[in-house]
Each structure stands twice: as structure tokens, then as C-alpha cells.
Amino acid sequence: MKDNNKQSVIALALITAICMSGDSMLYIILPTHYKEMGITSLIGVGVLLSVNRFVRLPLNPLIGFIYKKINFRTGILIAIFFSGITTIGYGFVKEFEIWVIMRSVWGFSWSLFKLGAYLLIFQLANDTNRGSFMGTYNGLYRLGSLFGMFLGGLFADLFGVALISTVIGLSAFFSLPILYKYVPKSLDKEVTTKNSPALLANFKTFKDRNLIQIFVTAFLIIMLLDGMLTASLSHIIQVKFTERVDILGLIVGAATLAGVIQAIRWGAAPFVVSRVGTALDNTEKKSRMLAVFLIIAFILLMIIPLNIPIMVWLPILLIHLLVSSSLTTIIDTVFSNAVSKVTNKVFTMTSFTLWLI
């Protein structure tokens, strides 16, 4: 049974990876092919790359409501369908207004995936393996970023945006056999509907000091480590080492080097993060482990701006990125353990995802 449970988590992670590869592709091709895609300025590019995050704020409560009304597999099916359609549309839509709609629809799909993962892991895992399950999911679904950015950047230049968007968009529908074979149709009613408190009682969640600390910590981790640093990595390399960087006699661009580092990070994450999750399961001092990783991330983040040789700087940067990925799993696990002790589980999970825009 335990193996079957982990298979379900792995299956959902792979489905998420396949479907999010289109979104990851867009971060590579839109800044360089925006005129071909009907966008008139880089300001429009910035709006489109961020609008899917902003729509999650009002949409996440709706996602929690949806999972109470439909079975779990149907929720993931809806997410697959919309992610595939929007990715195909990236290659053909030229109107900015429709672009905004498509990016909003993707934000809706991503919320279905993210909250769905929390709900699935909460049901299938317990205090002895929750960290392992979280690490497995977080490590695997990020492979979508690796393949989306690599394939998108390469084939958009070679064959055009329309072709690669169609290929990656259609690949989302190839995940349907995985969905129907490995992902459970329904979740335990206790997870989604049973013992759901009244609306006023739900908001008492925000008086729980422990949960608020977890929410704020998660927000800062996502904003500072997964958001600001990741988004500005190529610019940081350019400012520190110029546009063209000499790596053992090989001259590479700042953007290329940033992409390679991120690819190594996402390729190594399934192995590193799952081990961190397992270690988390084997200790009762999860908050202490969170504190240790936060201190390590802080120290490494202080080193990154220093003027040090690039062959020393790059390994430090890679370690920092892997620590950041590990922190996501640690905070997710700490949060899941806290959720197991409350009655309004869906509302609390939905509230948590609001901090992860």
C-alpha cells in the first residue's frame, strides 16, 4: 500500500511537470520572441509573465471550493485540459487581451495542481513519510521547468514558436493515461468535506500563531529565494562577470550560464530534495531543521554578492539553489504536520497557497 501511495504522488508530480513545461517555456521564449508572439513591448512581457500569479490570489479560495464539489481526479483532469489548451495557444494568439486570459487560465490550472498535491499527500502520507512524499513531489515536478526551458529555448529558435508550443501543449494530454492509472479518483471525505467549520470559524485560523509563522516563512522563502534570486540570476551574473563569461576557456553568455546552473539544479533536485524529505521524517525536530537550512541559505546569500572568482562562486550559487529547493519541501512538510491538527483542512491549505504566489 505504501508503494502504491508513493506511485500516486510520483504520478501527480510527473503530470504537473509535463503540464508546467509550457509555462516554463514561456519564460525563455517570450522575452526574446515577443514581437513574433504579438506583444509590442517588454512591459507587456512583464505583465504576462506575472499575471498568472496575481490571479491566484482571488482564485485559490475558489479552488478549495471546487475540490469540495468534484472528485479529485476530475480536478486534475480540468487542470491538464486547460494547461494543454493555453500552451498550444501561446504559438498562435496575437492579441494582448487574449494573452491575459490565457495566462489567467494557466494560473487557475496551476492552483488546481498545487492544492491538489497538498490534498493528495495529506491523505496518503503520515508523520513517518510526509517529508519523503513532499520531497518526491517537489523534486520531480520541477523537471517541467528543466525540459520546458531547454526545449522551448532551443526549438523556438530553430523551428518557431508555433511548432514548439503545439508539441509541448499536446504533450499535456499524453499524461492522461498516467492520471487514470495511478491517481486516485476521490479523496477521503474527511479531507475535503467532513467537519468543515462555518466561515467565521475558518477565519479563526489566522489567530493561530504557529500557522501564521509558517505562512510568513513560506512567503519569504518563495519571494526571496525562489522569486527574486531566480528571476534575476542572469542579470546578477552579467553585473558581476560581464555579459560574456570565461569558464575554463569557454566563453558563454550570462543568460546561457544562468540556464545551465538552473538546469543542474532542477536535474539534481529530485535526488537532493527527496533525501532532505526523508531526513525530515527521521527527526522530531523539524522546526530546528528548518532553522538550520534558513541559516545556511542566509550565509550563502550573503556570499553571493562578494567579489570572488567565478569558479568558486558558481558552486556556492548551486549549493544555495539546492538549499532553496530543500527549504520549500521542509516548509511544506512543517505546514502539513500543522494541518493534520486542525479541523478546517481545506481552508487552511487554501490559505497557505495564497502565500505562494
Protein backbone atom coordinates (compact mmCIF):
# COMPACT_ATOMS: atom_id res chain seq x y z
CA MET A 1 0.00 0.00 0.00
CA LYS A 2 2.84 2.37 0.87
CA ASP A 3 4.40 1.78 -2.58
CA ASN A 4 1.07 2.46 -4.26
CA ASN A 5 0.72 5.69 -2.33
CA LYS A 6 4.13 6.88 -3.44
CA GLN A 7 3.32 5.88 -7.02
CA SER A 8 0.31 8.20 -6.88
CA VAL A 9 2.47 11.09 -5.65
CA ILE A 10 5.10 10.42 -8.34
CA ALA A 11 2.37 10.23 -10.99
CA LEU A 12 0.88 13.59 -9.96
CA ALA A 13 4.37 15.13 -9.89
CA LEU A 14 5.10 13.91 -13.42
CA ILE A 15 1.72 15.15 -14.69
CA THR A 16 2.42 18.55 -13.13
CA ALA A 17 5.90 18.60 -14.68
CA ILE A 18 4.55 17.82 -18.16
CA CYS A 19 1.83 20.46 -17.90
CA MET A 20 4.01 23.21 -16.39
CA SER A 21 6.69 22.84 -19.07
CA GLY A 22 4.65 25.15 -21.30
CA ASP A 23 4.66 27.87 -18.65
CA SER A 24 8.41 27.42 -18.10
CA MET A 25 9.00 27.58 -21.86
CA LEU A 26 7.27 30.94 -21.95
CA TYR A 27 9.79 32.46 -19.51
CA ILE A 28 12.52 31.69 -22.04
CA ILE A 29 10.89 32.49 -25.38
CA LEU A 30 8.60 35.41 -24.56
CA PRO A 31 11.38 37.93 -23.69
CA THR A 32 13.17 37.16 -26.98
CA HIS A 33 10.26 36.36 -29.34
CA TYR A 34 7.66 38.76 -28.01
CA LYS A 35 7.17 40.61 -31.30
CA GLU A 36 6.61 37.32 -33.12
CA MET A 37 4.01 36.47 -30.45
CA GLY A 38 2.08 39.71 -30.89
CA ILE A 39 3.43 41.63 -27.87
CA THR A 40 4.55 45.19 -28.59
CA SER A 41 6.84 45.91 -25.63
CA LEU A 42 8.85 44.36 -22.82
CA ILE A 43 6.41 45.93 -20.36
CA GLY A 44 3.73 43.70 -21.84
CA VAL A 45 6.07 40.73 -21.44
CA GLY A 46 6.46 41.51 -17.73
CA VAL A 47 2.71 41.79 -17.29
CA LEU A 48 2.05 38.46 -18.99
CA LEU A 49 4.73 36.60 -17.07
CA SER A 50 3.31 37.80 -13.75
CA VAL A 51 -0.46 37.93 -14.29
CA ASN A 52 -0.87 34.20 -13.71
CA ARG A 53 0.49 34.68 -10.19
CA PHE A 54 -1.75 37.59 -9.32
CA VAL A 55 -4.92 35.80 -10.41
CA ARG A 56 -4.16 33.04 -7.92
CA LEU A 57 -4.99 35.39 -5.06
CA PRO A 58 -8.74 35.52 -5.81
CA LEU A 59 -8.80 32.08 -7.46
CA ASN A 60 -7.27 29.95 -4.70
CA PRO A 61 -10.38 30.11 -2.44
CA LEU A 62 -12.40 29.03 -5.48
CA ILE A 63 -10.06 26.05 -5.99
CA GLY A 64 -10.71 24.88 -2.44
CA PHE A 65 -14.46 25.11 -3.07
CA ILE A 66 -14.12 23.19 -6.36
CA TYR A 67 -12.31 20.30 -4.69
CA LYS A 68 -15.18 20.07 -2.21
CA LYS A 69 -17.72 19.71 -5.05
CA ILE A 70 -15.98 17.42 -7.57
CA ASN A 71 -13.85 14.32 -7.26
CA PHE A 72 -10.09 14.69 -7.11
CA ARG A 73 -9.27 13.15 -10.48
CA THR A 74 -11.72 15.45 -12.24
CA GLY A 75 -9.96 18.48 -10.73
CA ILE A 76 -6.60 17.33 -12.10
CA LEU A 77 -8.25 16.50 -15.44
CA ILE A 78 -9.53 20.08 -15.71
CA ALA A 79 -6.03 21.38 -14.94
CA ILE A 80 -4.50 19.16 -17.65
CA PHE A 81 -7.05 20.26 -20.23
CA PHE A 82 -6.62 23.99 -19.62
CA SER A 83 -2.82 23.81 -19.40
CA GLY A 84 -2.65 21.98 -22.74
CA ILE A 85 -5.02 24.39 -24.49
CA THR A 86 -3.26 27.50 -23.18
CA THR A 87 0.19 26.20 -24.14
CA ILE A 88 -0.96 25.49 -27.70
CA GLY A 89 -2.48 28.97 -27.80
CA TYR A 90 0.89 30.57 -26.99
CA GLY A 91 2.02 29.86 -30.53
CA PHE A 92 -0.99 31.36 -32.32
CA VAL A 93 -2.55 34.16 -30.24
CA LYS A 94 -1.53 37.71 -31.16
CA GLU A 95 -3.98 39.87 -29.16
CA PHE A 96 -2.78 41.09 -25.76
CA GLU A 97 -6.22 40.77 -24.16
CA ILE A 98 -6.45 37.09 -25.10
CA TRP A 99 -2.93 36.60 -23.80
CA VAL A 100 -4.04 37.92 -20.41
CA ILE A 101 -6.96 35.50 -20.41
CA MET A 102 -4.72 32.54 -21.29
CA ARG A 103 -2.22 33.39 -18.57
CA SER A 104 -5.09 33.71 -16.08
CA VAL A 105 -6.40 30.30 -17.12
CA TRP A 106 -2.94 28.84 -16.57
CA GLY A 107 -2.90 30.41 -13.09
CA PHE A 108 -6.20 28.62 -12.41
CA SER A 109 -4.72 25.33 -13.63
CA TRP A 110 -1.59 25.72 -11.51
CA SER A 111 -3.71 26.31 -8.40
CA LEU A 112 -5.58 23.07 -9.12
CA PHE A 113 -2.26 21.23 -9.34
CA LYS A 114 -0.72 22.82 -6.25
CA LEU A 115 -3.66 22.48 -3.89
CA GLY A 116 -4.36 19.04 -5.36
CA ALA A 117 -0.83 17.95 -4.44
CA TYR A 118 -1.29 19.10 -0.84
CA LEU A 119 -4.62 17.29 -0.59
CA LEU A 120 -3.24 14.08 -2.09
CA ILE A 121 -0.10 14.00 0.05
CA PHE A 122 -2.08 14.84 3.17
CA GLN A 123 -4.33 11.83 2.59
CA LEU A 124 -1.68 9.31 1.51
CA ALA A 125 1.13 10.25 3.89
CA ASN A 126 1.54 10.19 7.65
CA ASP A 127 4.04 11.62 10.13
CA THR A 128 6.62 8.96 9.18
CA ASN A 129 6.76 9.61 5.42
CA ARG A 130 5.21 13.04 4.77
CA GLY A 131 8.60 14.67 4.22
CA SER A 132 9.62 11.95 1.77
CA PHE A 133 6.40 12.39 -0.20
CA MET A 134 6.76 16.18 -0.24
CA GLY A 135 10.39 15.91 -1.33
CA THR A 136 9.49 13.48 -4.09
CA TYR A 137 6.73 15.72 -5.43
CA ASN A 138 8.68 18.98 -5.20
CA GLY A 139 11.77 17.44 -6.77
CA LEU A 140 10.01 15.78 -9.69
CA TYR A 141 7.53 18.43 -10.76
CA ARG A 142 10.35 20.94 -11.26
CA LEU A 143 11.67 18.75 -14.06
CA GLY A 144 8.99 20.50 -16.11
CA SER A 145 10.97 23.71 -15.76
CA LEU A 146 14.12 21.95 -16.92
CA PHE A 147 12.60 20.48 -20.08
CA GLY A 148 10.32 23.42 -20.82
CA MET A 149 13.13 25.96 -20.74
CA PHE A 150 15.61 23.76 -22.58
CA LEU A 151 13.30 22.56 -25.33
CA GLY A 152 11.49 25.87 -25.60
CA GLY A 153 14.62 27.95 -25.99
CA LEU A 154 16.25 25.54 -28.44
CA PHE A 155 13.33 24.69 -30.75
CA ALA A 156 11.71 28.14 -30.75
CA ASP A 157 14.88 29.48 -32.37
CA LEU A 158 15.13 26.55 -34.79
CA PHE A 159 11.51 25.97 -35.82
CA GLY A 160 9.46 28.87 -34.47
CA VAL A 161 7.17 29.40 -31.51
CA ALA A 162 4.03 27.86 -33.04
CA LEU A 163 5.55 24.41 -33.51
CA ILE A 164 7.15 24.03 -30.09
CA SER A 165 4.05 25.44 -28.36
CA THR A 166 1.89 22.88 -30.16
CA VAL A 167 4.21 19.98 -29.32
CA ILE A 168 4.51 20.87 -25.63
CA GLY A 169 0.80 21.68 -25.39
CA LEU A 170 -0.22 18.33 -26.90
CA SER A 171 2.17 16.52 -24.55
CA ALA A 172 -0.06 17.59 -21.66
CA PHE A 173 -2.80 15.31 -22.99
CA PHE A 174 -0.36 12.39 -23.15
CA SER A 175 -0.36 12.48 -19.34
CA LEU A 176 -3.99 11.29 -19.24
CA PRO A 177 -3.07 7.57 -19.07
CA ILE A 178 -0.89 8.32 -16.04
CA LEU A 179 -3.79 10.16 -14.43
CA TYR A 180 -6.30 7.34 -14.87
CA LYS A 181 -3.89 4.57 -13.90
CA TYR A 182 -2.14 5.98 -10.85
CA VAL A 183 -4.04 8.98 -9.43
CA PRO A 184 -6.97 8.11 -7.13
CA LYS A 185 -10.42 9.11 -8.32
CA SER A 186 -11.55 10.51 -4.98
CA LEU A 187 -10.06 11.59 -1.69
CA ASP A 188 -11.29 10.69 1.76
CA LYS A 189 -14.31 12.85 2.59
CA GLU A 190 -12.60 13.82 5.83
CA VAL A 191 -10.01 15.70 3.79
CA THR A 192 -12.45 17.76 1.72
CA THR A 193 -15.86 17.99 3.35
CA LYS A 194 -16.24 16.36 6.72
CA ASN A 195 -16.19 18.55 9.81
CA SER A 196 -15.89 21.74 7.79
CA PRO A 197 -16.42 24.66 10.20
CA ALA A 198 -18.54 27.70 9.48
CA LEU A 199 -17.00 30.60 7.58
CA LEU A 200 -16.46 32.69 10.71
CA ALA A 201 -14.75 29.80 12.43
CA ASN A 202 -12.48 29.36 9.42
CA PHE A 203 -11.04 32.81 9.83
CA LYS A 204 -10.01 31.98 13.37
CA THR A 205 -7.22 30.12 11.62
CA PHE A 206 -5.46 33.47 11.31
CA LYS A 207 -5.27 33.68 15.09
CA ASP A 208 -3.15 30.53 15.22
CA ARG A 209 0.32 31.90 15.88
CA ASN A 210 2.10 28.75 14.68
CA LEU A 211 0.28 28.76 11.33
CA ILE A 212 0.91 32.46 10.79
CA GLN A 213 4.63 31.93 11.39
CA ILE A 214 4.62 29.13 8.81
CA PHE A 215 2.71 31.28 6.30
CA VAL A 216 5.11 34.22 6.65
CA THR A 217 8.19 31.99 6.46
CA ALA A 218 6.86 30.32 3.31
CA PHE A 219 6.13 33.70 1.71
CA LEU A 220 9.65 35.00 2.42
CA ILE A 221 11.27 31.80 1.11
CA ILE A 222 9.28 31.95 -2.13
CA MET A 223 9.78 35.70 -2.60
CA LEU A 224 13.49 35.98 -1.76
CA LEU A 225 14.90 32.63 -2.83
CA ASP A 226 12.60 31.20 -5.49
CA GLY A 227 11.39 34.54 -6.80
CA MET A 228 13.85 37.41 -6.71
CA LEU A 229 17.07 35.41 -6.96
CA THR A 230 15.88 33.01 -9.66
CA ALA A 231 14.31 35.76 -11.76
CA SER A 232 17.39 37.99 -11.60
CA LEU A 233 20.08 35.31 -11.82
CA SER A 234 21.20 36.07 -15.38
CA HIS A 235 21.34 39.80 -14.54
CA ILE A 236 23.41 39.11 -11.42
CA ILE A 237 25.90 37.11 -13.48
CA GLN A 238 26.04 39.87 -16.08
CA VAL A 239 26.68 42.57 -13.47
CA LYS A 240 29.34 40.54 -11.61
CA PHE A 241 31.16 38.95 -14.54
CA THR A 242 30.06 40.89 -17.67
CA GLU A 243 27.80 39.63 -20.46
CA ARG A 244 30.32 37.05 -21.68
CA VAL A 245 31.84 34.78 -19.06
CA ASP A 246 35.07 32.79 -19.42
CA ILE A 247 34.59 29.27 -17.99
CA LEU A 248 37.84 27.32 -18.32
CA GLY A 249 38.49 28.92 -21.70
CA LEU A 250 34.91 28.55 -22.91
CA ILE A 251 33.07 31.83 -23.46
CA VAL A 252 29.37 31.65 -22.58
CA GLY A 253 26.69 34.29 -22.21
CA ALA A 254 25.24 35.28 -18.84
CA ALA A 255 21.78 34.01 -19.78
CA THR A 256 23.21 30.69 -21.00
CA LEU A 257 25.22 30.24 -17.82
CA ALA A 258 22.18 31.01 -15.68
CA GLY A 259 20.18 28.46 -17.65
CA VAL A 260 22.86 25.79 -17.21
CA ILE A 261 23.01 26.38 -13.46
CA GLN A 262 19.23 26.17 -13.19
CA ALA A 263 19.22 23.00 -15.30
CA ILE A 264 21.77 21.38 -12.98
CA ARG A 265 19.69 22.49 -10.00
CA TRP A 266 16.45 21.02 -11.33
CA GLY A 267 18.19 17.88 -12.53
CA ALA A 268 19.73 17.28 -9.09
CA ALA A 269 16.66 18.36 -7.10
CA PRO A 270 14.78 15.01 -7.27
CA PHE A 271 17.74 13.29 -5.58
CA VAL A 272 18.67 16.03 -3.10
CA VAL A 273 15.19 17.14 -2.06
CA SER A 274 13.84 13.62 -1.58
CA ARG A 275 16.77 12.84 0.74
CA VAL A 276 16.08 16.01 2.71
CA GLY A 277 12.44 14.96 2.99
CA THR A 278 13.44 11.52 4.26
CA ALA A 279 15.80 13.08 6.81
CA LEU A 280 12.93 15.29 7.91
CA ASP A 281 10.78 12.22 8.55
CA ASN A 282 13.50 10.76 10.75
CA THR A 283 13.66 13.70 13.13
CA GLU A 284 11.13 15.12 15.53
CA LYS A 285 12.88 18.49 15.49
CA LYS A 286 11.56 19.65 12.13
CA SER A 287 11.49 23.31 13.14
CA ARG A 288 15.15 23.12 14.12
CA MET A 289 15.99 21.61 10.74
CA LEU A 290 14.09 24.46 9.08
CA ALA A 291 16.11 26.97 11.12
CA VAL A 292 19.42 25.33 10.14
CA PHE A 293 18.60 25.44 6.43
CA LEU A 294 17.44 29.06 6.72
CA ILE A 295 20.75 30.00 8.36
CA ILE A 296 22.70 28.21 5.61
CA ALA A 297 20.65 29.99 2.93
CA PHE A 298 21.26 33.33 4.67
CA ILE A 299 25.03 32.79 4.83
CA LEU A 300 25.25 31.71 1.18
CA LEU A 301 23.05 34.61 0.10
CA MET A 302 25.47 37.00 1.84
CA ILE A 303 28.41 35.45 -0.02
CA ILE A 304 26.86 35.65 -3.49
CA PRO A 305 27.36 39.47 -3.91
CA LEU A 306 31.04 39.24 -2.85
CA ASN A 307 33.85 39.69 -5.36
CA ILE A 308 35.19 36.14 -5.60
CA PRO A 309 36.46 34.05 -8.56
CA ILE A 310 33.69 32.61 -10.69
CA MET A 311 34.91 29.02 -10.28
CA VAL A 312 34.41 29.43 -6.52
CA TRP A 313 31.23 31.46 -6.89
CA LEU A 314 29.36 29.00 -9.12
CA PRO A 315 29.48 26.02 -6.71
CA ILE A 316 28.35 28.32 -3.88
CA LEU A 317 25.46 29.51 -6.03
CA LEU A 318 24.46 25.94 -6.94
CA ILE A 319 24.51 24.86 -3.28
CA HIS A 320 22.37 27.87 -2.41
CA LEU A 321 19.82 26.99 -5.10
CA LEU A 322 19.61 23.39 -3.85
CA VAL A 323 19.21 24.64 -0.28
CA SER A 324 16.38 26.87 -1.51
CA SER A 325 14.68 23.88 -3.15
CA SER A 326 15.11 21.91 0.07
CA LEU A 327 13.57 24.72 2.09
CA THR A 328 10.41 24.51 0.00
CA THR A 329 9.99 20.85 0.95
CA ILE A 330 10.81 21.50 4.61
CA ILE A 331 8.24 24.30 4.97
CA ASP A 332 5.65 22.25 3.07
CA THR A 333 6.20 19.34 5.45
CA VAL A 334 6.09 21.51 8.56
CA PHE A 335 2.86 23.02 7.28
CA SER A 336 1.32 19.62 6.51
CA ASN A 337 2.07 18.43 10.03
CA ALA A 338 0.34 21.53 11.38
CA VAL A 339 -2.69 20.98 9.12
CA SER A 340 -3.17 17.46 10.48
CA LYS A 341 -4.12 19.03 13.82
CA VAL A 342 -6.86 21.38 12.55
CA THR A 343 -10.44 20.67 11.50
CA ASN A 344 -10.73 23.14 8.61
CA LYS A 345 -8.07 21.43 6.50
CA VAL A 346 -9.09 22.61 3.01
CA PHE A 347 -9.48 26.23 4.13
CA THR A 348 -6.08 26.13 5.84
CA MET A 349 -4.39 24.57 2.79
CA THR A 350 -6.05 27.12 0.54
CA SER A 351 -4.89 29.96 2.79
CA PHE A 352 -1.35 28.60 2.64
CA THR A 353 -1.31 28.55 -1.15
CA LEU A 354 -2.26 32.25 -1.13
CA TRP A 355 1.20 32.94 0.28
CA LEU A 356 2.88 31.00 -2.54
CA ILE A 357 2.09 33.31 -5.44
